C-alpha atoms as a PDB file:
ATOM      1  CA  MET A   1    -177.591 136.350  20.626  1.00  0.00           C
ATOM      2  CA  ILE A   2    -180.821 137.509  22.281  1.00  0.00           C
ATOM      3  CA  GLU A   3    -180.477 140.900  20.598  1.00  0.00           C
ATOM      4  CA  ALA A   4    -179.909 139.221  17.222  1.00  0.00           C
ATOM      5  CA  ILE A   5    -183.054 137.116  17.701  1.00  0.00           C
ATOM      6  CA  ALA A   6    -185.113 140.238  18.451  1.00  0.00           C
ATOM      7  CA  LYS A   7    -183.854 141.911  15.256  1.00  0.00           C
ATOM      8  CA  TYR A   8    -184.516 138.737  13.251  1.00  0.00           C
ATOM      9  CA  LEU A   9    -188.139 138.553  14.449  1.00  0.00           C
ATOM     10  CA  GLU A  10    -188.584 142.215  13.538  1.00  0.00           C
ATOM     11  CA  TYR A  11    -187.167 141.402  10.087  1.00  0.00           C
ATOM     12  CA  LEU A  12    -189.692 138.563   9.656  1.00  0.00           C
ATOM     13  CA  GLN A  13    -192.540 140.939  10.419  1.00  0.00           C
ATOM     14  CA  SER A  14    -191.484 144.087   8.546  1.00  0.00           C
ATOM     15  CA  VAL A  15    -189.564 142.685   5.556  1.00  0.00           C
ATOM     16  CA  LYS A  16    -190.687 139.083   5.022  1.00  0.00           C
ATOM     17  CA  ASN A  17    -194.343 139.778   5.919  1.00  0.00           C
ATOM     18  CA  SER A  18    -194.459 136.454   7.771  1.00  0.00           C
ATOM     19  CA  SER A  19    -197.727 135.554   9.461  1.00  0.00           C
ATOM     20  CA  PRO A  20    -198.144 136.245  13.200  1.00  0.00           C
ATOM     21  CA  HIS A  21    -198.455 132.472  13.686  1.00  0.00           C
ATOM     22  CA  THR A  22    -195.050 131.852  12.045  1.00  0.00           C
ATOM     23  CA  ILE A  23    -193.370 134.630  14.018  1.00  0.00           C
ATOM     24  CA  LEU A  24    -194.794 133.321  17.300  1.00  0.00           C
ATOM     25  CA  ASN A  25    -193.598 129.769  16.596  1.00  0.00           C
ATOM     26  CA  TYR A  26    -190.123 130.917  15.521  1.00  0.00           C
ATOM     27  CA  ARG A  27    -189.847 133.056  18.644  1.00  0.00           C
ATOM     28  CA  ARG A  28    -190.666 130.056  20.842  1.00  0.00           C
ATOM     29  CA  ASP A  29    -188.271 127.791  18.948  1.00  0.00           C
ATOM     30  CA  LEU A  30    -185.358 130.218  19.201  1.00  0.00           C
ATOM     31  CA  GLU A  31    -186.029 130.963  22.866  1.00  0.00           C
ATOM     32  CA  GLN A  32    -186.059 127.211  23.562  1.00  0.00           C
ATOM     33  CA  PHE A  33    -182.681 126.861  21.837  1.00  0.00           C
ATOM     34  CA  VAL A  34    -181.225 129.722  23.898  1.00  0.00           C
ATOM     35  CA  ALA A  35    -182.596 128.145  27.103  1.00  0.00           C
ATOM     36  CA  TYR A  36    -180.998 124.811  26.149  1.00  0.00           C
ATOM     37  CA  LEU A  37    -177.613 126.489  25.649  1.00  0.00           C
ATOM     38  CA  SER A  38    -177.796 128.439  28.905  1.00  0.00           C
ATOM     39  CA  PRO A  39    -178.702 126.355  31.981  1.00  0.00           C
ATOM     40  CA  PRO A  40    -179.774 128.284  35.127  1.00  0.00           C
ATOM     41  CA  GLY A  41    -177.107 130.756  36.185  1.00  0.00           C
ATOM     42  CA  ALA A  42    -175.235 130.656  32.865  1.00  0.00           C
ATOM     43  CA  ARG A  43    -175.240 133.200  30.065  1.00  0.00           C
ATOM     44  CA  PRO A  44    -176.029 132.071  26.520  1.00  0.00           C
ATOM     45  CA  PRO A  45    -173.007 131.885  24.201  1.00  0.00           C
ATOM     46  CA  GLY A  46    -172.369 134.577  21.634  1.00  0.00           C
ATOM     47  CA  LEU A  47    -173.427 134.007  18.048  1.00  0.00           C
ATOM     48  CA  ALA A  48    -169.906 133.005  16.996  1.00  0.00           C
ATOM     49  CA  GLY A  49    -169.797 130.457  19.822  1.00  0.00           C
ATOM     50  CA  VAL A  50    -172.697 128.375  18.446  1.00  0.00           C
ATOM     51  CA  THR A  51    -171.360 125.336  16.607  1.00  0.00           C
ATOM     52  CA  HIS A  52    -172.702 122.637  14.314  1.00  0.00           C
ATOM     53  CA  SER A  53    -172.345 120.051  17.122  1.00  0.00           C
ATOM     54  CA  MET A  54    -174.381 122.183  19.578  1.00  0.00           C
ATOM     55  CA  ILE A  55    -177.319 122.217  17.163  1.00  0.00           C
ATOM     56  CA  ARG A  56    -177.037 118.454  16.595  1.00  0.00           C
ATOM     57  CA  GLU A  57    -177.080 117.924  20.377  1.00  0.00           C
ATOM     58  CA  PHE A  58    -180.160 120.157  20.640  1.00  0.00           C
ATOM     59  CA  VAL A  59    -181.945 118.071  17.990  1.00  0.00           C
ATOM     60  CA  ALA A  60    -180.975 114.863  19.840  1.00  0.00           C
ATOM     61  CA  HIS A  61    -182.263 116.409  23.091  1.00  0.00           C
ATOM     62  CA  LEU A  62    -185.640 117.124  21.466  1.00  0.00           C
ATOM     63  CA  HIS A  63    -185.795 113.588  20.094  1.00  0.00           C
ATOM     64  CA  ASP A  64    -184.973 112.083  23.517  1.00  0.00           C
ATOM     65  CA  HIS A  65    -187.870 114.033  25.022  1.00  0.00           C
ATOM     66  CA  GLY A  66    -190.312 112.433  22.576  1.00  0.00           C
ATOM     67  CA  LEU A  67    -190.970 115.445  20.354  1.00  0.00           C
ATOM     68  CA  MET A  68    -192.595 114.615  17.028  1.00  0.00           C
ATOM     69  CA  LYS A  69    -190.340 114.629  13.971  1.00  0.00           C
ATOM     70  CA  SER A  70    -192.450 117.340  12.337  1.00  0.00           C
ATOM     71  CA  SER A  71    -191.960 119.635  15.354  1.00  0.00           C
ATOM     72  CA  ILE A  72    -188.201 118.962  15.402  1.00  0.00           C
ATOM     73  CA  ALA A  73    -188.035 119.742  11.676  1.00  0.00           C
ATOM     74  CA  ARG A  74    -189.811 123.071  12.233  1.00  0.00           C
ATOM     75  CA  LYS A  75    -187.449 124.052  15.067  1.00  0.00           C
ATOM     76  CA  LEU A  76    -184.471 123.177  12.897  1.00  0.00           C
ATOM     77  CA  ALA A  77    -185.936 125.260  10.061  1.00  0.00           C
ATOM     78  CA  ALA A  78    -186.241 128.205  12.466  1.00  0.00           C
ATOM     79  CA  LEU A  79    -182.571 127.847  13.447  1.00  0.00           C
ATOM     80  CA  ARG A  80    -181.436 127.575   9.823  1.00  0.00           C
ATOM     81  CA  SER A  81    -183.403 130.665   8.861  1.00  0.00           C
ATOM     82  CA  PHE A  82    -182.119 132.656  11.857  1.00  0.00           C
ATOM     83  CA  PHE A  83    -178.453 131.820  11.251  1.00  0.00           C
ATOM     84  CA  LYS A  84    -178.856 132.463   7.519  1.00  0.00           C
ATOM     85  CA  TYR A  85    -180.113 135.940   8.445  1.00  0.00           C
ATOM     86  CA  CYS A  86    -177.090 136.411  10.738  1.00  0.00           C
ATOM     87  CA  VAL A  87    -174.700 135.472   7.902  1.00  0.00           C
ATOM     88  CA  ARG A  88    -176.422 137.907   5.530  1.00  0.00           C
ATOM     89  CA  GLU A  89    -176.192 140.698   8.122  1.00  0.00           C
ATOM     90  CA  GLY A  90    -172.475 140.033   8.580  1.00  0.00           C
ATOM     91  CA  HIS A  91    -172.691 138.717  12.168  1.00  0.00           C
ATOM     92  CA  LEU A  92    -171.412 135.250  11.162  1.00  0.00           C
ATOM     93  CA  LYS A  93    -169.186 133.857   8.413  1.00  0.00           C
ATOM     94  CA  GLU A  94    -171.148 130.613   7.971  1.00  0.00           C
ATOM     95  CA  ASN A  95    -174.433 129.032   9.017  1.00  0.00           C
ATOM     96  CA  PRO A  96    -173.806 126.391  11.738  1.00  0.00           C
ATOM     97  CA  ALA A  97    -177.228 124.807  11.136  1.00  0.00           C
ATOM     98  CA  ARG A  98    -176.830 124.373   7.391  1.00  0.00           C
ATOM     99  CA  LEU A  99    -175.518 120.806   7.457  1.00  0.00           C
ATOM    100  CA  VAL A 100    -177.608 119.468  10.350  1.00  0.00           C
ATOM    101  CA  PRO A 101    -179.884 116.873   8.704  1.00  0.00           C
ATOM    102  CA  THR A 102    -183.659 117.264   8.940  1.00  0.00           C
ATOM    103  CA  PRO A 103    -185.492 114.233  10.407  1.00  0.00           C
ATOM    104  CA  LYS A 104    -187.082 112.137   7.662  1.00  0.00           C
ATOM    105  CA  LEU A 105    -190.799 112.861   7.730  1.00  0.00           C
ATOM    106  CA  PRO A 106    -193.491 110.407   6.613  1.00  0.00           C
ATOM    107  CA  LYS A 107    -195.460 111.573   3.590  1.00  0.00           C
ATOM    108  CA  ARG A 108    -198.935 112.327   4.860  1.00  0.00           C
ATOM    109  CA  ILE A 109    -201.775 112.074   2.369  1.00  0.00           C
ATOM    110  CA  PRO A 110    -204.701 114.328   3.323  1.00  0.00           C
ATOM    111  CA  SER A 111    -207.974 112.556   4.072  1.00  0.00           C
ATOM    112  CA  VAL A 112    -210.633 113.999   1.770  1.00  0.00           C
ATOM    113  CA  LEU A 113    -214.413 113.697   1.698  1.00  0.00           C
ATOM    114  CA  SER A 114    -216.001 112.741  -1.589  1.00  0.00           C
ATOM    115  CA  ALA A 115    -217.726 115.428  -3.644  1.00  0.00           C
ATOM    116  CA  GLU A 116    -221.100 113.796  -2.887  1.00  0.00           C
ATOM    117  CA  GLU A 117    -220.538 113.783   0.879  1.00  0.00           C
ATOM    118  CA  LEU A 118    -219.435 117.408   0.960  1.00  0.00           C
ATOM    119  CA  ASN A 119    -222.228 118.498  -1.369  1.00  0.00           C
ATOM    120  CA  ASP A 120    -224.850 116.845   0.870  1.00  0.00           C
ATOM    121  CA  PHE A 121    -223.321 118.437   3.957  1.00  0.00           C
ATOM    122  CA  LEU A 122    -223.431 121.952   2.452  1.00  0.00           C
ATOM    123  CA  ASN A 123    -226.922 121.421   0.993  1.00  0.00           C
ATOM    124  CA  GLN A 124    -228.156 120.485   4.444  1.00  0.00           C
ATOM    125  CA  LEU A 125    -227.064 123.878   5.760  1.00  0.00           C
ATOM    126  CA  GLY A 126    -228.818 125.552   2.853  1.00  0.00           C
ATOM    127  CA  GLY A 127    -232.078 123.774   3.541  1.00  0.00           C
ATOM    128  CA  SER A 128    -232.255 122.196   0.088  1.00  0.00           C
ATOM    129  CA  GLY A 129    -233.820 119.052   1.512  1.00  0.00           C
ATOM    130  CA  HIS A 130    -231.573 116.588  -0.317  1.00  0.00           C
ATOM    131  CA  GLY A 131    -230.805 114.594   2.807  1.00  0.00           C
ATOM    132  CA  THR A 132    -227.870 114.553   5.163  1.00  0.00           C
ATOM    133  CA  PRO A 133    -224.334 113.189   4.949  1.00  0.00           C
ATOM    134  CA  ALA A 134    -225.274 110.253   7.116  1.00  0.00           C
ATOM    135  CA  GLY A 135    -228.649 109.588   5.561  1.00  0.00           C
ATOM    136  CA  ARG A 136    -230.412 111.178   8.524  1.00  0.00           C
ATOM    137  CA  THR A 137    -233.181 113.747   8.546  1.00  0.00           C
ATOM    138  CA  THR A 138    -231.581 116.579  10.520  1.00  0.00           C
ATOM    139  CA  SER A 139    -233.317 119.740   9.300  1.00  0.00           C
ATOM    140  CA  PRO A 140    -231.966 123.298   9.013  1.00  0.00           C
ATOM    141  CA  LYS A 141    -234.410 124.294  11.742  1.00  0.00           C
ATOM    142  CA  ASN A 142    -232.760 121.767  14.046  1.00  0.00           C
ATOM    143  CA  LEU A 143    -229.402 123.291  13.157  1.00  0.00           C
ATOM    144  CA  MET A 144    -230.651 126.691  14.289  1.00  0.00           C
ATOM    145  CA  VAL A 145    -232.165 125.665  17.605  1.00  0.00           C
ATOM    146  CA  SER A 146    -229.740 122.944  18.651  1.00  0.00           C
ATOM    147  CA  ARG A 147    -227.778 125.200  20.981  1.00  0.00           C
ATOM    148  CA  ALA A 148    -230.910 126.409  22.724  1.00  0.00           C
ATOM    149  CA  SER A 149    -232.245 122.906  23.307  1.00  0.00           C
ATOM    150  CA  ALA A 150    -228.841 121.594  24.364  1.00  0.00           C
ATOM    151  CA  ALA A 151    -228.556 124.306  26.976  1.00  0.00           C
ATOM    152  CA  ASN A 152    -232.105 123.592  28.285  1.00  0.00           C
ATOM    153  CA  LEU A 153    -232.924 127.282  28.225  1.00  0.00           C
ATOM    154  CA  PRO A 154    -236.361 128.561  29.342  1.00  0.00           C
ATOM    155  CA  ASP A 155    -238.797 129.365  26.530  1.00  0.00           C
ATOM    156  CA  LYS A 156    -238.521 133.116  27.081  1.00  0.00           C
ATOM    157  CA  GLN A 157    -234.767 132.949  26.455  1.00  0.00           C
ATOM    158  CA  SER A 158    -234.863 130.524  23.550  1.00  0.00           C
ATOM    159  CA  GLY A 159    -236.641 132.997  21.223  1.00  0.00           C
ATOM    160  CA  PRO A 160    -233.773 135.522  20.953  1.00  0.00           C
ATOM    161  CA  LEU A 161    -231.268 132.699  20.766  1.00  0.00           C
ATOM    162  CA  ARG A 162    -233.169 131.074  17.910  1.00  0.00           C
ATOM    163  CA  ALA A 163    -233.194 134.381  16.057  1.00  0.00           C
ATOM    164  CA  ARG A 164    -229.446 134.736  16.605  1.00  0.00           C
ATOM    165  CA  GLU A 165    -228.788 131.186  15.389  1.00  0.00           C
ATOM    166  CA  GLY A 166    -230.953 131.866  12.337  1.00  0.00           C
ATOM    167  CA  LEU A 167    -228.753 134.839  11.438  1.00  0.00           C
ATOM    168  CA  LEU A 168    -225.522 132.993  12.025  1.00  0.00           C
ATOM    169  CA  LEU A 169    -226.659 129.966  10.020  1.00  0.00           C
ATOM    170  CA  ARG A 170    -226.687 132.114   6.876  1.00  0.00           C
ATOM    171  CA  ARG A 171    -223.246 133.488   7.721  1.00  0.00           C
ATOM    172  CA  ASP A 172    -221.899 129.998   8.412  1.00  0.00           C
ATOM    173  CA  ARG A 173    -223.279 128.618   5.152  1.00  0.00           C
ATOM    174  CA  ALA A 174    -221.614 131.458   3.239  1.00  0.00           C
ATOM    175  CA  LEU A 175    -218.204 130.990   4.834  1.00  0.00           C
ATOM    176  CA  LEU A 176    -218.253 127.198   4.421  1.00  0.00           C
ATOM    177  CA  GLU A 177    -219.276 127.528   0.766  1.00  0.00           C
ATOM    178  CA  LEU A 178    -216.504 130.073   0.149  1.00  0.00           C
ATOM    179  CA  LEU A 179    -213.844 127.946   1.888  1.00  0.00           C
ATOM    180  CA  TYR A 180    -214.718 125.071  -0.440  1.00  0.00           C
ATOM    181  CA  ALA A 181    -215.423 127.113  -3.590  1.00  0.00           C
ATOM    182  CA  ALA A 182    -212.135 129.047  -3.491  1.00  0.00           C
ATOM    183  CA  GLY A 183    -209.842 126.629  -1.616  1.00  0.00           C
ATOM    184  CA  LEU A 184    -208.944 129.291   0.939  1.00  0.00           C
ATOM    185  CA  ARG A 185    -206.762 128.932   3.991  1.00  0.00           C
ATOM    186  CA  VAL A 186    -208.697 129.917   7.101  1.00  0.00           C
ATOM    187  CA  SER A 187    -206.404 132.943   7.607  1.00  0.00           C
ATOM    188  CA  GLU A 188    -207.214 134.075   4.061  1.00  0.00           C
ATOM    189  CA  LEU A 189    -210.941 133.737   4.706  1.00  0.00           C
ATOM    190  CA  THR A 190    -210.891 135.738   7.950  1.00  0.00           C
ATOM    191  CA  GLY A 191    -208.629 138.362   6.333  1.00  0.00           C
ATOM    192  CA  LEU A 192    -211.016 139.016   3.439  1.00  0.00           C
ATOM    193  CA  ASN A 193    -212.350 142.566   3.072  1.00  0.00           C
ATOM    194  CA  LEU A 194    -215.227 143.796   0.940  1.00  0.00           C
ATOM    195  CA  ALA A 195    -212.705 145.546  -1.325  1.00  0.00           C
ATOM    196  CA  ASP A 196    -211.152 142.144  -2.107  1.00  0.00           C
ATOM    197  CA  MET A 197    -214.334 140.880  -3.786  1.00  0.00           C
ATOM    198  CA  GLU A 198    -215.517 141.383  -7.374  1.00  0.00           C
ATOM    199  CA  GLN A 199    -219.027 140.008  -7.003  1.00  0.00           C
ATOM    200  CA  LYS A 200    -220.109 140.463 -10.628  1.00  0.00           C
ATOM    201  CA  GLU A 201    -217.109 138.493 -11.849  1.00  0.00           C
ATOM    202  CA  ARG A 202    -217.149 136.160  -8.807  1.00  0.00           C
ATOM    203  CA  ILE A 203    -213.452 136.753  -8.119  1.00  0.00           C
ATOM    204  CA  LEU A 204    -211.483 137.197  -4.891  1.00  0.00           C
ATOM    205  CA  ARG A 205    -208.174 138.964  -4.352  1.00  0.00           C
ATOM    206  CA  VAL A 206    -206.564 136.816  -1.673  1.00  0.00           C
ATOM    207  CA  ARG A 207    -203.541 137.613   0.495  1.00  0.00           C
ATOM    208  CA  GLY A 208    -201.744 134.367   1.264  1.00  0.00           C
ATOM    209  CA  LYS A 209    -198.517 133.404   2.998  1.00  0.00           C
ATOM    210  CA  GLY A 210    -195.843 136.098   2.920  1.00  0.00           C
ATOM    211  CA  ASN A 211    -198.602 138.613   2.049  1.00  0.00           C
ATOM    212  CA  LYS A 212    -198.523 137.387  -1.570  1.00  0.00           C
ATOM    213  CA  GLU A 213    -201.653 138.190  -3.556  1.00  0.00           C
ATOM    214  CA  ARG A 214    -203.442 135.862  -5.933  1.00  0.00           C
ATOM    215  CA  ILE A 215    -206.735 135.949  -7.821  1.00  0.00           C
ATOM    216  CA  VAL A 216    -209.202 133.123  -7.135  1.00  0.00           C
ATOM    217  CA  PRO A 217    -212.650 132.578  -8.693  1.00  0.00           C
ATOM    218  CA  TYR A 218    -215.624 131.186  -6.798  1.00  0.00           C
ATOM    219  CA  GLY A 219    -218.825 129.561  -7.999  1.00  0.00           C
ATOM    220  CA  ALA A 220    -222.544 130.200  -8.168  1.00  0.00           C
ATOM    221  CA  LYS A 221    -223.326 128.222  -4.982  1.00  0.00           C
ATOM    222  CA  ALA A 222    -220.990 130.412  -2.941  1.00  0.00           C
ATOM    223  CA  GLN A 223    -222.403 133.531  -4.603  1.00  0.00           C
ATOM    224  CA  GLU A 224    -225.944 132.470  -3.698  1.00  0.00           C
ATOM    225  CA  ALA A 225    -224.941 131.873  -0.069  1.00  0.00           C
ATOM    226  CA  LEU A 226    -223.168 135.256   0.073  1.00  0.00           C
ATOM    227  CA  GLU A 227    -226.237 137.058  -1.284  1.00  0.00           C
ATOM    228  CA  LYS A 228    -228.255 135.638   1.611  1.00  0.00           C
ATOM    229  CA  TYR A 229    -225.529 136.628   4.065  1.00  0.00           C
ATOM    230  CA  TRP A 230    -225.155 140.332   3.129  1.00  0.00           C
ATOM    231  CA  PRO A 231    -228.364 141.474   4.938  1.00  0.00           C
ATOM    232  CA  VAL A 232    -227.193 139.477   7.984  1.00  0.00           C
ATOM    233  CA  ARG A 233    -223.833 141.236   7.862  1.00  0.00           C
ATOM    234  CA  GLU A 234    -225.531 144.656   7.779  1.00  0.00           C
ATOM    235  CA  GLN A 235    -227.638 143.679  10.776  1.00  0.00           C
ATOM    236  CA  LEU A 236    -224.569 142.517  12.715  1.00  0.00           C
ATOM    237  CA  LEU A 237    -222.889 145.857  12.034  1.00  0.00           C
ATOM    238  CA  ARG A 238    -225.964 147.814  13.135  1.00  0.00           C
ATOM    239  CA  GLN A 239    -226.158 145.795  16.344  1.00  0.00           C
ATOM    240  CA  ALA A 240    -222.510 146.660  16.979  1.00  0.00           C
ATOM    241  CA  GLY A 241    -223.293 150.378  16.744  1.00  0.00           C
ATOM    242  CA  GLY A 242    -222.261 151.107  13.177  1.00  0.00           C
ATOM    243  CA  THR A 243    -224.261 153.543  11.051  1.00  0.00           C
ATOM    244  CA  ASN A 244    -225.394 151.997   7.763  1.00  0.00           C
ATOM    245  CA  GLY A 245    -222.570 149.496   8.132  1.00  0.00           C
ATOM    246  CA  LYS A 246    -219.898 152.179   7.540  1.00  0.00           C
ATOM    247  CA  GLN A 247    -218.332 152.749  10.941  1.00  0.00           C
ATOM    248  CA  GLY A 248    -216.101 150.745  13.228  1.00  0.00           C
ATOM    249  CA  PRO A 249    -212.692 149.105  12.799  1.00  0.00           C
ATOM    250  CA  HIS A 250    -214.225 145.861  11.483  1.00  0.00           C
ATOM    251  CA  ALA A 251    -216.618 147.430   8.963  1.00  0.00           C
ATOM    252  CA  GLU A 252    -214.518 146.282   5.984  1.00  0.00           C
ATOM    253  CA  ALA A 253    -214.335 142.611   7.063  1.00  0.00           C
ATOM    254  CA  VAL A 254    -216.433 140.200   5.016  1.00  0.00           C
ATOM    255  CA  PHE A 255    -217.184 137.774   7.857  1.00  0.00           C
ATOM    256  CA  LEU A 256    -218.268 139.108  11.246  1.00  0.00           C
ATOM    257  CA  ASN A 257    -219.121 137.588  14.600  1.00  0.00           C
ATOM    258  CA  TYR A 258    -222.261 138.395  16.573  1.00  0.00           C
ATOM    259  CA  LEU A 259    -220.565 141.477  18.080  1.00  0.00           C
ATOM    260  CA  GLY A 260    -219.880 142.912  14.635  1.00  0.00           C
ATOM    261  CA  ARG A 261    -216.153 142.169  14.785  1.00  0.00           C
ATOM    262  CA  ARG A 262    -213.973 140.345  12.282  1.00  0.00           C
ATOM    263  CA  LEU A 263    -214.355 136.589  12.687  1.00  0.00           C
ATOM    264  CA  THR A 264    -211.246 134.860  14.084  1.00  0.00           C
ATOM    265  CA  GLN A 265    -209.557 131.720  12.766  1.00  0.00           C
ATOM    266  CA  ARG A 266    -210.391 129.881  15.978  1.00  0.00           C
ATOM    267  CA  SER A 267    -214.083 130.769  15.585  1.00  0.00           C
ATOM    268  CA  VAL A 268    -214.123 129.333  12.053  1.00  0.00           C
ATOM    269  CA  GLY A 269    -212.713 126.071  13.422  1.00  0.00           C
ATOM    270  CA  ARG A 270    -215.469 125.964  16.050  1.00  0.00           C
ATOM    271  CA  ILE A 271    -218.123 126.635  13.392  1.00  0.00           C
ATOM    272  CA  VAL A 272    -216.984 123.668  11.285  1.00  0.00           C
ATOM    273  CA  LYS A 273    -216.907 121.355  14.317  1.00  0.00           C
ATOM    274  CA  LYS A 274    -220.336 122.587  15.389  1.00  0.00           C
ATOM    275  CA  TYR A 275    -222.073 121.548  12.152  1.00  0.00           C
ATOM    276  CA  VAL A 276    -220.272 118.212  12.007  1.00  0.00           C
ATOM    277  CA  ARG A 277    -221.523 117.533  15.529  1.00  0.00           C
ATOM    278  CA  ILE A 278    -225.085 118.620  14.721  1.00  0.00           C
ATOM    279  CA  ALA A 279    -225.152 116.513  11.556  1.00  0.00           C
ATOM    280  CA  ASN A 280    -224.011 113.603  13.744  1.00  0.00           C
ATOM    281  CA  VAL A 281    -221.392 112.316  11.318  1.00  0.00           C
ATOM    282  CA  ASN A 282    -218.097 110.745  12.290  1.00  0.00           C
ATOM    283  CA  TRP A 283    -215.855 113.084  10.304  1.00  0.00           C
ATOM    284  CA  ASP A 284    -212.571 114.646  11.367  1.00  0.00           C
ATOM    285  CA  LEU A 285    -213.543 117.819   9.515  1.00  0.00           C
ATOM    286  CA  HIS A 286    -211.740 121.128  10.029  1.00  0.00           C
ATOM    287  CA  PRO A 287    -211.440 124.301   7.894  1.00  0.00           C
ATOM    288  CA  HIS A 288    -208.371 123.042   6.013  1.00  0.00           C
ATOM    289  CA  SER A 289    -210.337 119.897   5.028  1.00  0.00           C
ATOM    290  CA  LEU A 290    -212.396 122.069   2.678  1.00  0.00           C
ATOM    291  CA  ARG A 291    -209.199 123.318   1.018  1.00  0.00           C
ATOM    292  CA  HIS A 292    -208.034 119.706   0.602  1.00  0.00           C
ATOM    293  CA  ALA A 293    -211.422 118.816  -0.906  1.00  0.00           C
ATOM    294  CA  PHE A 294    -211.254 121.790  -3.299  1.00  0.00           C
ATOM    295  CA  ALA A 295    -207.902 120.631  -4.714  1.00  0.00           C
ATOM    296  CA  THR A 296    -208.698 116.916  -4.837  1.00  0.00           C
ATOM    297  CA  HIS A 297    -212.089 117.367  -6.513  1.00  0.00           C
ATOM    298  CA  LEU A 298    -210.626 119.731  -9.132  1.00  0.00           C
ATOM    299  CA  LEU A 299    -207.887 117.209  -9.876  1.00  0.00           C
ATOM    300  CA  ALA A 300    -210.367 114.323 -10.084  1.00  0.00           C
ATOM    301  CA  ASP A 301    -212.395 116.264 -12.685  1.00  0.00           C
ATOM    302  CA  GLY A 302    -209.357 116.867 -14.893  1.00  0.00           C
ATOM    303  CA  ALA A 303    -207.950 120.220 -13.744  1.00  0.00           C
ATOM    304  CA  ASP A 304    -204.288 120.854 -14.537  1.00  0.00           C
ATOM    305  CA  LEU A 305    -201.925 120.487 -11.577  1.00  0.00           C
ATOM    306  CA  ARG A 306    -200.203 123.797 -12.392  1.00  0.00           C
ATOM    307  CA  ALA A 307    -203.553 125.599 -12.389  1.00  0.00           C
ATOM    308  CA  ILE A 308    -204.413 124.074  -9.000  1.00  0.00           C
ATOM    309  CA  GLN A 309    -201.018 125.230  -7.711  1.00  0.00           C
ATOM    310  CA  GLU A 310    -201.873 128.805  -8.753  1.00  0.00           C
ATOM    311  CA  LEU A 311    -205.348 128.645  -7.203  1.00  0.00           C
ATOM    312  CA  LEU A 312    -203.981 127.321  -3.902  1.00  0.00           C
ATOM    313  CA  GLY A 313    -201.091 129.793  -3.808  1.00  0.00           C
ATOM    314  CA  HIS A 314    -198.455 127.081  -3.375  1.00  0.00           C
ATOM    315  CA  GLN A 315    -194.895 128.240  -4.011  1.00  0.00           C
ATOM    316  CA  SER A 316    -193.727 124.739  -4.965  1.00  0.00           C
ATOM    317  CA  LEU A 317    -195.469 122.246  -7.231  1.00  0.00           C
ATOM    318  CA  SER A 318    -194.318 119.412  -4.957  1.00  0.00           C
ATOM    319  CA  THR A 319    -196.665 120.764  -2.252  1.00  0.00           C
ATOM    320  CA  THR A 320    -199.592 120.479  -4.677  1.00  0.00           C
ATOM    321  CA  GLN A 321    -198.608 116.983  -5.836  1.00  0.00           C
ATOM    322  CA  LYS A 322    -199.786 115.398  -2.568  1.00  0.00           C
ATOM    323  CA  TYR A 323    -203.320 115.769  -3.941  1.00  0.00           C
ATOM    324  CA  THR A 324    -202.513 113.377  -6.782  1.00  0.00           C
ATOM    325  CA  HIS A 325    -201.881 110.702  -4.128  1.00  0.00           C
ATOM    326  CA  ALA A 326    -205.161 111.549  -2.397  1.00  0.00           C
ATOM    327  CA  SER A 327    -207.011 111.323  -5.711  1.00  0.00           C
ATOM    328  CA  ILE A 328    -205.462 107.907  -6.516  1.00  0.00           C
ATOM    329  CA  ARG A 329    -206.328 106.635  -3.045  1.00  0.00           C
ATOM    330  CA  GLN A 330    -209.944 107.771  -3.471  1.00  0.00           C
ATOM    331  CA  LEU A 331    -210.065 105.968  -6.831  1.00  0.00           C
ATOM    332  CA  MET A 332    -208.760 102.771  -5.222  1.00  0.00           C
ATOM    333  CA  ASP A 333    -211.429 102.998  -2.503  1.00  0.00           C
ATOM    334  CA  VAL A 334    -214.124 103.164  -5.189  1.00  0.00           C
ATOM    335  CA  TYR A 335    -212.551 100.177  -6.959  1.00  0.00           C
ATOM    336  CA  ASP A 336    -212.405  98.116  -3.759  1.00  0.00           C
ATOM    337  CA  LYS A 337    -216.055  98.808  -3.001  1.00  0.00           C
ATOM    338  CA  ALA A 338    -217.426  98.369  -6.524  1.00  0.00           C
ATOM    339  CA  HIS A 339    -215.393  95.663  -8.300  1.00  0.00           C
ATOM    340  CA  PRO A 340    -216.712  92.135  -7.691  1.00  0.00           C
ATOM    341  CA  HIS A 341    -213.190  90.633  -7.722  1.00  0.00           C
ATOM    342  CA  ALA A 342    -211.472  93.392  -5.749  1.00  0.00           C
END
């Protein structure tokens, strides 16, 4: 069974082009199942020895230990996929996980900022002077120097740090604008290369889940922010030792960190949290929130649901339909606030 799991994970990587995140989670889920079936001192059963009832008992065990239904559903999906692979490879005659029911999951409607709130937040980063999301007067200069003042650095150290923050502010504005303008997943944003961009046409070639490609347009605001970022990117590459921005393993990446390396997904999450904290607004904002906002705002302005599905790269229309619920909820909030008899 352990050998079959190793071959299955290799299949996910080389044939299915699954993301590293998916492969890591499936590995953990399958190893947990093997550990459950083989207490200390015992060997795990062979593939043919795994039964429908064993998997049901495993699911009940997870439930008894307080695991969330969504996590149980993912582990069950990993088992189904693994045993389906084993059937296809001829190791098993039937899938023992096929008829184990998935826990009923509550339908979660994504919480989305209004177009006005998000527009004010992004304008603040751009220094347009149209106010802040909370009606405060936090300036772009304050955004740049906040880290230096928070750390109580001496004046002689704050100068270089201010210069660094000034560079990264333009990068951060560009990546936030592009996340919202193109509805990208954070992995798609960090995976972007210069060759994936048609700047004249304002079009991106995006590699999504399963390494599937799609074409996504982006708007003038994102283009303007990118134009201000390109000199910053060249400077980051030069600081990292590249010659004219052509050398180094990360030279093709669109978004770079201060060391001239490709920006990571975790860093993008920290960037979003950083500006929410500086703006002093009580938002649970994360990179995927901008993707939710992209879809909901398009839908609210009359975009076709099928077109939004294509732009988001969803395989199933039912995944996209959750944004119709978010849009209706936003409409009801406006009604409750504005109608005198609400």
